[in-house]
């Protein structure tokens, strides 16, 4: 059994942080364009980053691992797969 995490598993946190950063930049730019206040845009940028990061992390926890290590959900039902 391979104990080393795959490259995809190692870079998964960076993908989540990057996506949260993109969402935060979009939110900050929209607030900056509409309100024309840099302080308000920075506050919304930070808030959007935190909310997006927590939301994406929770979605990643719900989704679970993807790959050959994923057990077959049908075989885990009580009574076997043909019930």
PDB file of N, CA and C in Angstrom:
ATOM      1  N   UNK A   1       0.837  -1.172   0.000  1.00  0.00           N
ATOM      2  CA  UNK A   1       0.000   0.000   0.000  1.00  0.00           C
ATOM      3  C   UNK A   1       0.885   1.239   0.000  1.00  0.00           C
ATOM      4  N   UNK A   2       0.534   2.216  -0.801  1.00  0.00           N
ATOM      5  CA  UNK A   2       1.330   3.426  -0.951  1.00  0.00           C
ATOM      6  C   UNK A   2       0.946   4.428   0.139  1.00  0.00           C
ATOM      7  N   UNK A   3       1.917   4.767   1.023  1.00  0.00           N
ATOM      8  CA  UNK A   3       1.650   5.691   2.127  1.00  0.00           C
ATOM      9  C   UNK A   3       1.852   7.145   1.708  1.00  0.00           C
ATOM     10  N   UNK A   4       2.522   7.375   0.594  1.00  0.00           N
ATOM     11  CA  UNK A   4       2.772   8.737   0.121  1.00  0.00           C
ATOM     12  C   UNK A   4       1.522   9.305  -0.526  1.00  0.00           C
ATOM     13  N   UNK A   5       1.139  10.546  -0.162  1.00  0.00           N
ATOM     14  CA  UNK A   5      -0.015  11.153  -0.837  1.00  0.00           C
ATOM     15  C   UNK A   5       0.326  11.493  -2.281  1.00  0.00           C
ATOM     16  N   UNK A   6      -0.680  11.412  -3.126  1.00  0.00           N
ATOM     17  CA  UNK A   6      -0.452  11.721  -4.532  1.00  0.00           C
ATOM     18  C   UNK A   6      -0.252  13.223  -4.710  1.00  0.00           C
ATOM     19  N   UNK A   7       0.186  13.593  -5.899  1.00  0.00           N
ATOM     20  CA  UNK A   7       0.413  15.011  -6.178  1.00  0.00           C
ATOM     21  C   UNK A   7      -0.897  15.796  -6.081  1.00  0.00           C
ATOM     22  N   UNK A   8      -1.977  15.202  -6.544  1.00  0.00           N
ATOM     23  CA  UNK A   8      -3.287  15.859  -6.461  1.00  0.00           C
ATOM     24  C   UNK A   8      -3.690  16.089  -5.011  1.00  0.00           C
ATOM     25  N   UNK A   9      -3.449  15.123  -4.147  1.00  0.00           N
ATOM     26  CA  UNK A   9      -3.794  15.266  -2.732  1.00  0.00           C
ATOM     27  C   UNK A   9      -2.939  16.327  -2.055  1.00  0.00           C
ATOM     28  N   UNK A  10      -1.670  16.465  -2.465  1.00  0.00           N
ATOM     29  CA  UNK A  10      -0.794  17.465  -1.860  1.00  0.00           C
ATOM     30  C   UNK A  10      -1.160  18.881  -2.275  1.00  0.00           C
ATOM     31  N   UNK A  11      -1.622  19.070  -3.524  1.00  0.00           N
ATOM     32  CA  UNK A  11      -1.937  20.407  -4.005  1.00  0.00           C
ATOM     33  C   UNK A  11      -3.403  20.785  -3.804  1.00  0.00           C
ATOM     34  N   UNK A  12      -4.201  19.928  -3.242  1.00  0.00           N
ATOM     35  CA  UNK A  12      -5.620  20.219  -3.014  1.00  0.00           C
ATOM     36  C   UNK A  12      -5.820  21.460  -2.139  1.00  0.00           C
ATOM     37  N   UNK A  13      -5.087  21.620  -1.019  1.00  0.00           N
ATOM     38  CA  UNK A  13      -5.268  22.835  -0.216  1.00  0.00           C
ATOM     39  C   UNK A  13      -4.921  24.109  -0.988  1.00  0.00           C
ATOM     40  N   UNK A  14      -3.916  24.057  -1.837  1.00  0.00           N
ATOM     41  CA  UNK A  14      -3.550  25.240  -2.629  1.00  0.00           C
ATOM     42  C   UNK A  14      -4.643  25.585  -3.636  1.00  0.00           C
ATOM     43  N   UNK A  15      -5.309  24.573  -4.174  1.00  0.00           N
ATOM     44  CA  UNK A  15      -6.419  24.824  -5.091  1.00  0.00           C
ATOM     45  C   UNK A  15      -7.558  25.530  -4.365  1.00  0.00           C
ATOM     46  N   UNK A  16      -7.865  25.091  -3.155  1.00  0.00           N
ATOM     47  CA  UNK A  16      -8.934  25.715  -2.387  1.00  0.00           C
ATOM     48  C   UNK A  16      -8.598  27.153  -2.018  1.00  0.00           C
ATOM     49  N   UNK A  17      -7.372  27.394  -1.597  1.00  0.00           N
ATOM     50  CA  UNK A  17      -6.948  28.752  -1.254  1.00  0.00           C
ATOM     51  C   UNK A  17      -6.963  29.643  -2.488  1.00  0.00           C
ATOM     52  N   UNK A  18      -6.504  29.129  -3.611  1.00  0.00           N
ATOM     53  CA  UNK A  18      -6.507  29.912  -4.849  1.00  0.00           C
ATOM     54  C   UNK A  18      -7.906  30.281  -5.304  1.00  0.00           C
ATOM     55  N   UNK A  19      -8.834  29.331  -5.224  1.00  0.00           N
ATOM     56  CA  UNK A  19     -10.213  29.610  -5.620  1.00  0.00           C
ATOM     57  C   UNK A  19     -10.860  30.617  -4.673  1.00  0.00           C
ATOM     58  N   UNK A  20     -10.590  30.501  -3.380  1.00  0.00           N
ATOM     59  CA  UNK A  20     -11.110  31.468  -2.416  1.00  0.00           C
ATOM     60  C   UNK A  20     -10.517  32.850  -2.664  1.00  0.00           C
ATOM     61  N   UNK A  21      -9.259  32.902  -3.070  1.00  0.00           N
ATOM     62  CA  UNK A  21      -8.605  34.177  -3.376  1.00  0.00           C
ATOM     63  C   UNK A  21      -9.239  34.825  -4.601  1.00  0.00           C
ATOM     64  N   UNK A  22      -9.562  34.040  -5.602  1.00  0.00           N
ATOM     65  CA  UNK A  22     -10.216  34.570  -6.811  1.00  0.00           C
ATOM     66  C   UNK A  22     -11.595  35.130  -6.468  1.00  0.00           C
ATOM     67  N   UNK A  23     -12.351  34.421  -5.645  1.00  0.00           N
ATOM     68  CA  UNK A  23     -13.664  34.905  -5.220  1.00  0.00           C
ATOM     69  C   UNK A  23     -13.513  36.211  -4.436  1.00  0.00           C
ATOM     70  N   UNK A  24     -12.519  36.277  -3.567  1.00  0.00           N
ATOM     71  CA  UNK A  24     -12.299  37.483  -2.764  1.00  0.00           C
ATOM     72  C   UNK A  24     -11.874  38.668  -3.629  1.00  0.00           C
ATOM     73  N   UNK A  25     -11.026  38.435  -4.623  1.00  0.00           N
ATOM     74  CA  UNK A  25     -10.621  39.515  -5.525  1.00  0.00           C
ATOM     75  C   UNK A  25     -11.833  40.036  -6.288  1.00  0.00           C
ATOM     76  N   UNK A  26     -12.660  39.139  -6.794  1.00  0.00           N
ATOM     77  CA  UNK A  26     -13.864  39.553  -7.514  1.00  0.00           C
ATOM     78  C   UNK A  26     -14.765  40.404  -6.617  1.00  0.00           C
ATOM     79  N   UNK A  27     -14.972  39.947  -5.385  1.00  0.00           N
ATOM     80  CA  UNK A  27     -15.824  40.692  -4.455  1.00  0.00           C
ATOM     81  C   UNK A  27     -15.221  42.055  -4.134  1.00  0.00           C
ATOM     82  N   UNK A  28     -13.924  42.095  -3.880  1.00  0.00           N
ATOM     83  CA  UNK A  28     -13.261  43.360  -3.577  1.00  0.00           C
ATOM     84  C   UNK A  28     -13.335  44.344  -4.731  1.00  0.00           C
ATOM     85  N   UNK A  29     -13.154  43.865  -5.945  1.00  0.00           N
ATOM     86  CA  UNK A  29     -13.213  44.745  -7.117  1.00  0.00           C
ATOM     87  C   UNK A  29     -14.630  45.271  -7.329  1.00  0.00           C
ATOM     88  N   UNK A  30     -15.622  44.418  -7.166  1.00  0.00           N
ATOM     89  CA  UNK A  30     -17.011  44.863  -7.328  1.00  0.00           C
ATOM     90  C   UNK A  30     -17.361  45.932  -6.294  1.00  0.00           C
ATOM     91  N   UNK A  31     -16.953  45.725  -5.044  1.00  0.00           N
ATOM     92  CA  UNK A  31     -17.232  46.720  -4.007  1.00  0.00           C
ATOM     93  C   UNK A  31     -16.460  48.002  -4.278  1.00  0.00           C
ATOM     94  N   UNK A  32     -15.228  47.891  -4.734  1.00  0.00           N
ATOM     95  CA  UNK A  32     -14.427  49.080  -5.035  1.00  0.00           C
ATOM     96  C   UNK A  32     -15.041  49.886  -6.170  1.00  0.00           C
ATOM     97  N   UNK A  33     -15.531  49.213  -7.186  1.00  0.00           N
ATOM     98  CA  UNK A  33     -16.129  49.914  -8.324  1.00  0.00           C
ATOM     99  C   UNK A  33     -17.449  50.578  -7.918  1.00  0.00           C
ATOM    100  N   UNK A  34     -18.246  49.891  -7.122  1.00  0.00           N
ATOM    101  CA  UNK A  34     -19.563  50.437  -6.785  1.00  0.00           C
ATOM    102  C   UNK A  34     -19.503  51.487  -5.678  1.00  0.00           C
ATOM    103  N   UNK A  35     -18.698  51.272  -4.640  1.00  0.00           N
ATOM    104  CA  UNK A  35     -18.683  52.182  -3.497  1.00  0.00           C
ATOM    105  C   UNK A  35     -17.573  53.231  -3.594  1.00  0.00           C
ATOM    106  N   UNK A  36     -16.564  52.971  -4.379  1.00  0.00           N
ATOM    107  CA  UNK A  36     -15.402  53.864  -4.520  1.00  0.00           C
ATOM    108  C   UNK A  36     -14.742  54.169  -3.172  1.00  0.00           C
ATOM    109  N   UNK A  37     -14.714  53.168  -2.315  1.00  0.00           N
ATOM    110  CA  UNK A  37     -14.083  53.298  -0.998  1.00  0.00           C
ATOM    111  C   UNK A  37     -13.124  52.127  -0.808  1.00  0.00           C
ATOM    112  N   UNK A  38     -11.821  52.424  -0.735  1.00  0.00           N
ATOM    113  CA  UNK A  38     -10.809  51.370  -0.662  1.00  0.00           C
ATOM    114  C   UNK A  38     -10.902  50.603   0.656  1.00  0.00           C
ATOM    115  N   UNK A  39     -11.228  51.285   1.747  1.00  0.00           N
ATOM    116  CA  UNK A  39     -11.319  50.610   3.035  1.00  0.00           C
ATOM    117  C   UNK A  39     -12.468  49.591   3.055  1.00  0.00           C
ATOM    118  N   UNK A  40     -13.576  49.982   2.518  1.00  0.00           N
ATOM    119  CA  UNK A  40     -14.712  49.070   2.438  1.00  0.00           C
ATOM    120  C   UNK A  40     -14.401  47.880   1.520  1.00  0.00           C
ATOM    121  N   UNK A  41     -13.693  48.143   0.427  1.00  0.00           N
ATOM    122  CA  UNK A  41     -13.325  47.066  -0.493  1.00  0.00           C
ATOM    123  C   UNK A  41     -12.376  46.070   0.176  1.00  0.00           C
ATOM    124  N   UNK A  42     -11.449  46.564   0.978  1.00  0.00           N
ATOM    125  CA  UNK A  42     -10.515  45.674   1.677  1.00  0.00           C
ATOM    126  C   UNK A  42     -11.257  44.826   2.712  1.00  0.00           C
ATOM    127  N   UNK A  43     -12.213  45.430   3.405  1.00  0.00           N
ATOM    128  CA  UNK A  43     -13.000  44.684   4.390  1.00  0.00           C
ATOM    129  C   UNK A  43     -13.806  43.579   3.704  1.00  0.00           C
ATOM    130  N   UNK A  44     -14.448  43.920   2.592  1.00  0.00           N
ATOM    131  CA  UNK A  44     -15.221  42.905   1.867  1.00  0.00           C
ATOM    132  C   UNK A  44     -14.306  41.840   1.259  1.00  0.00           C
ATOM    133  N   UNK A  45     -13.119  42.237   0.804  1.00  0.00           N
ATOM    134  CA  UNK A  45     -12.143  41.277   0.286  1.00  0.00           C
ATOM    135  C   UNK A  45     -11.805  40.241   1.352  1.00  0.00           C
ATOM    136  N   UNK A  46     -11.469  40.718   2.560  1.00  0.00           N
ATOM    137  CA  UNK A  46     -11.112  39.803   3.645  1.00  0.00           C
ATOM    138  C   UNK A  46     -12.267  38.915   4.058  1.00  0.00           C
ATOM    139  N   UNK A  47     -13.450  39.515   4.164  1.00  0.00           N
ATOM    140  CA  UNK A  47     -14.617  38.722   4.547  1.00  0.00           C
ATOM    141  C   UNK A  47     -14.959  37.671   3.515  1.00  0.00           C
ATOM    142  N   UNK A  48     -14.910  38.055   2.243  1.00  0.00           N
ATOM    143  CA  UNK A  48     -15.216  37.101   1.179  1.00  0.00           C
ATOM    144  C   UNK A  48     -14.190  35.974   1.133  1.00  0.00           C
ATOM    145  N   UNK A  49     -12.921  36.299   1.398  1.00  0.00           N
ATOM    146  CA  UNK A  49     -11.879  35.268   1.397  1.00  0.00           C
ATOM    147  C   UNK A  49     -12.142  34.240   2.495  1.00  0.00           C
ATOM    148  N   UNK A  50     -12.452  34.715   3.691  1.00  0.00           N
ATOM    149  CA  UNK A  50     -12.690  33.808   4.809  1.00  0.00           C
ATOM    150  C   UNK A  50     -13.938  32.956   4.562  1.00  0.00           C
ATOM    151  N   UNK A  51     -15.021  33.602   4.129  1.00  0.00           N
ATOM    152  CA  UNK A  51     -16.269  32.867   3.901  1.00  0.00           C
ATOM    153  C   UNK A  51     -16.092  31.838   2.776  1.00  0.00           C
ATOM    154  N   UNK A  52     -15.428  32.225   1.689  1.00  0.00           N
ATOM    155  CA  UNK A  52     -15.215  31.292   0.576  1.00  0.00           C
ATOM    156  C   UNK A  52     -14.311  30.140   0.997  1.00  0.00           C
ATOM    157  N   UNK A  53     -13.275  30.435   1.765  1.00  0.00           N
ATOM    158  CA  UNK A  53     -12.351  29.384   2.199  1.00  0.00           C
ATOM    159  C   UNK A  53     -13.047  28.377   3.112  1.00  0.00           C
ATOM    160  N   UNK A  54     -13.832  28.860   4.054  1.00  0.00           N
ATOM    161  CA  UNK A  54     -14.557  27.957   4.960  1.00  0.00           C
ATOM    162  C   UNK A  54     -15.595  27.154   4.178  1.00  0.00           C
ATOM    163  N   UNK A  55     -16.318  27.815   3.287  1.00  0.00           N
ATOM    164  CA  UNK A  55     -17.326  27.110   2.492  1.00  0.00           C
ATOM    165  C   UNK A  55     -16.728  26.044   1.599  1.00  0.00           C
ATOM    166  N   UNK A  56     -15.631  26.362   0.928  1.00  0.00           N
ATOM    167  CA  UNK A  56     -14.983  25.372   0.062  1.00  0.00           C
ATOM    168  C   UNK A  56     -14.391  24.218   0.867  1.00  0.00           C
ATOM    169  N   UNK A  57     -13.846  24.522   2.033  1.00  0.00           N
ATOM    170  CA  UNK A  57     -13.286  23.460   2.879  1.00  0.00           C
ATOM    171  C   UNK A  57     -14.384  22.516   3.361  1.00  0.00           C
ATOM    172  N   UNK A  58     -15.531  23.073   3.707  1.00  0.00           N
ATOM    173  CA  UNK A  58     -16.638  22.211   4.145  1.00  0.00           C
ATOM    174  C   UNK A  58     -17.163  21.370   2.988  1.00  0.00           C
ATOM    175  N   UNK A  59     -17.235  21.943   1.793  1.00  0.00           N
ATOM    176  CA  UNK A  59     -17.639  21.153   0.634  1.00  0.00           C
ATOM    177  C   UNK A  59     -16.630  20.048   0.328  1.00  0.00           C
ATOM    178  N   UNK A  60     -15.342  20.335   0.517  1.00  0.00           N
ATOM    179  CA  UNK A  60     -14.322  19.318   0.291  1.00  0.00           C
ATOM    180  C   UNK A  60     -14.434  18.192   1.313  1.00  0.00           C
ATOM    181  N   UNK A  61     -14.794  18.521   2.536  1.00  0.00           N
ATOM    182  CA  UNK A  61     -14.976  17.482   3.556  1.00  0.00           C
ATOM    183  C   UNK A  61     -16.180  16.609   3.247  1.00  0.00           C
ATOM    184  N   UNK A  62     -17.245  17.221   2.756  1.00  0.00           N
ATOM    185  CA  UNK A  62     -18.448  16.455   2.430  1.00  0.00           C
ATOM    186  C   UNK A  62     -18.196  15.541   1.241  1.00  0.00           C
ATOM    187  N   UNK A  63     -17.452  16.036   0.255  1.00  0.00           N
ATOM    188  CA  UNK A  63     -17.190  15.256  -0.957  1.00  0.00           C
ATOM    189  C   UNK A  63     -16.327  14.040  -0.653  1.00  0.00           C
ATOM    190  N   UNK A  64     -15.367  14.177   0.246  1.00  0.00           N
ATOM    191  CA  UNK A  64     -14.504  13.062   0.597  1.00  0.00           C
ATOM    192  C   UNK A  64     -13.458  12.808  -0.476  1.00  0.00           C
ATOM    193  N   UNK A  65     -12.674  11.765  -0.299  1.00  0.00           N
ATOM    194  CA  UNK A  65     -11.621  11.461  -1.265  1.00  0.00           C
ATOM    195  C   UNK A  65     -12.185  10.949  -2.587  1.00  0.00           C
ATOM    196  N   UNK A  66     -11.469  11.242  -3.657  1.00  0.00           N
ATOM    197  CA  UNK A  66     -11.860  10.781  -4.985  1.00  0.00           C
ATOM    198  C   UNK A  66     -10.733   9.906  -5.512  1.00  0.00           C
ATOM    199  N   UNK A  67     -11.075   8.743  -5.981  1.00  0.00           N
ATOM    200  CA  UNK A  67     -10.049   7.883  -6.541  1.00  0.00           C
ATOM    201  C   UNK A  67     -10.326   6.424  -6.272  1.00  0.00           C
ATOM    202  N   UNK A  68      -9.329   5.574  -6.522  1.00  0.00           N
ATOM    203  CA  UNK A  68      -9.527   4.131  -6.371  1.00  0.00           C
ATOM    204  C   UNK A  68      -9.693   3.696  -4.921  1.00  0.00           C
ATOM    205  N   UNK A  69      -9.316   4.535  -3.936  1.00  0.00           N
ATOM    206  CA  UNK A  69      -9.459   4.178  -2.531  1.00  0.00           C
ATOM    207  C   UNK A  69     -10.888   4.357  -2.044  1.00  0.00           C
ATOM    208  N   UNK A  70     -11.736   4.989  -2.862  1.00  0.00           N
ATOM    209  CA  UNK A  70     -13.128   5.235  -2.498  1.00  0.00           C
ATOM    210  C   UNK A  70     -13.883   3.900  -2.503  1.00  0.00           C
ATOM    211  N   UNK A  71     -14.489   3.516  -1.370  1.00  0.00           N
ATOM    212  CA  UNK A  71     -15.239   2.249  -1.350  1.00  0.00           C
ATOM    213  C   UNK A  71     -16.520   2.366  -2.160  1.00  0.00           C
ATOM    214  N   UNK A  72     -16.980   1.248  -2.631  1.00  0.00           N
ATOM    215  CA  UNK A  72     -18.210   1.220  -3.412  1.00  0.00           C
ATOM    216  C   UNK A  72     -19.391   1.368  -2.463  1.00  0.00           C
ATOM    217  N   UNK A  73     -20.210   2.389  -2.679  1.00  0.00           N
ATOM    218  CA  UNK A  73     -21.328   2.675  -1.772  1.00  0.00           C
ATOM    219  C   UNK A  73     -22.394   1.590  -1.844  1.00  0.00           C
ATOM    220  N   UNK A  74     -22.538   0.943  -2.972  1.00  0.00           N
ATOM    221  CA  UNK A  74     -23.559  -0.093  -3.125  1.00  0.00           C
ATOM    222  C   UNK A  74     -23.203  -1.309  -2.284  1.00  0.00           C
ATOM    223  N   UNK A  75     -21.947  -1.663  -2.209  1.00  0.00           N
ATOM    224  CA  UNK A  75     -21.526  -2.851  -1.477  1.00  0.00           C
ATOM    225  C   UNK A  75     -21.607  -2.643   0.032  1.00  0.00           C
ATOM    226  N   UNK A  76     -21.726  -1.407   0.490  1.00  0.00           N
ATOM    227  CA  UNK A  76     -21.749  -1.154   1.931  1.00  0.00           C
ATOM    228  C   UNK A  76     -23.160  -1.229   2.522  1.00  0.00           C
ATOM    229  N   UNK A  77     -24.176  -1.332   1.695  1.00  0.00           N
ATOM    230  CA  UNK A  77     -25.538  -1.400   2.208  1.00  0.00           C
ATOM    231  C   UNK A  77     -25.739  -2.696   2.989  1.00  0.00           C
ATOM    232  N   UNK A  78     -26.563  -2.633   4.047  1.00  0.00           N
ATOM    233  CA  UNK A  78     -26.854  -3.882   4.771  1.00  0.00           C
ATOM    234  C   UNK A  78     -27.587  -4.869   3.870  1.00  0.00           C
ATOM    235  N   UNK A  79     -27.183  -6.072   3.917  1.00  0.00           N
ATOM    236  CA  UNK A  79     -27.808  -7.104   3.101  1.00  0.00           C
ATOM    237  C   UNK A  79     -27.089  -7.353   1.799  1.00  0.00           C
ATOM    238  N   UNK A  80     -26.050  -6.602   1.506  1.00  0.00           N
ATOM    239  CA  UNK A  80     -25.278  -6.822   0.290  1.00  0.00           C
ATOM    240  C   UNK A  80     -25.708  -5.948  -0.860  1.00  0.00           C
ATOM    241  N   UNK A  81     -25.029  -6.065  -1.980  1.00  0.00           N
ATOM    242  CA  UNK A  81     -25.310  -5.186  -3.118  1.00  0.00           C
ATOM    243  C   UNK A  81     -26.582  -5.535  -3.876  1.00  0.00           C
ATOM    244  N   UNK A  82     -27.127  -6.727  -3.704  1.00  0.00           N
ATOM    245  CA  UNK A  82     -28.287  -7.147  -4.510  1.00  0.00           C
ATOM    246  C   UNK A  82     -29.565  -7.188  -3.678  1.00  0.00           C
ATOM    247  N   UNK A  83     -29.679  -6.322  -2.701  1.00  0.00           N
ATOM    248  CA  UNK A  83     -30.870  -6.351  -1.849  1.00  0.00           C
ATOM    249  C   UNK A  83     -31.931  -5.428  -2.391  1.00  0.00           C
TER     250      UNK A  83
END
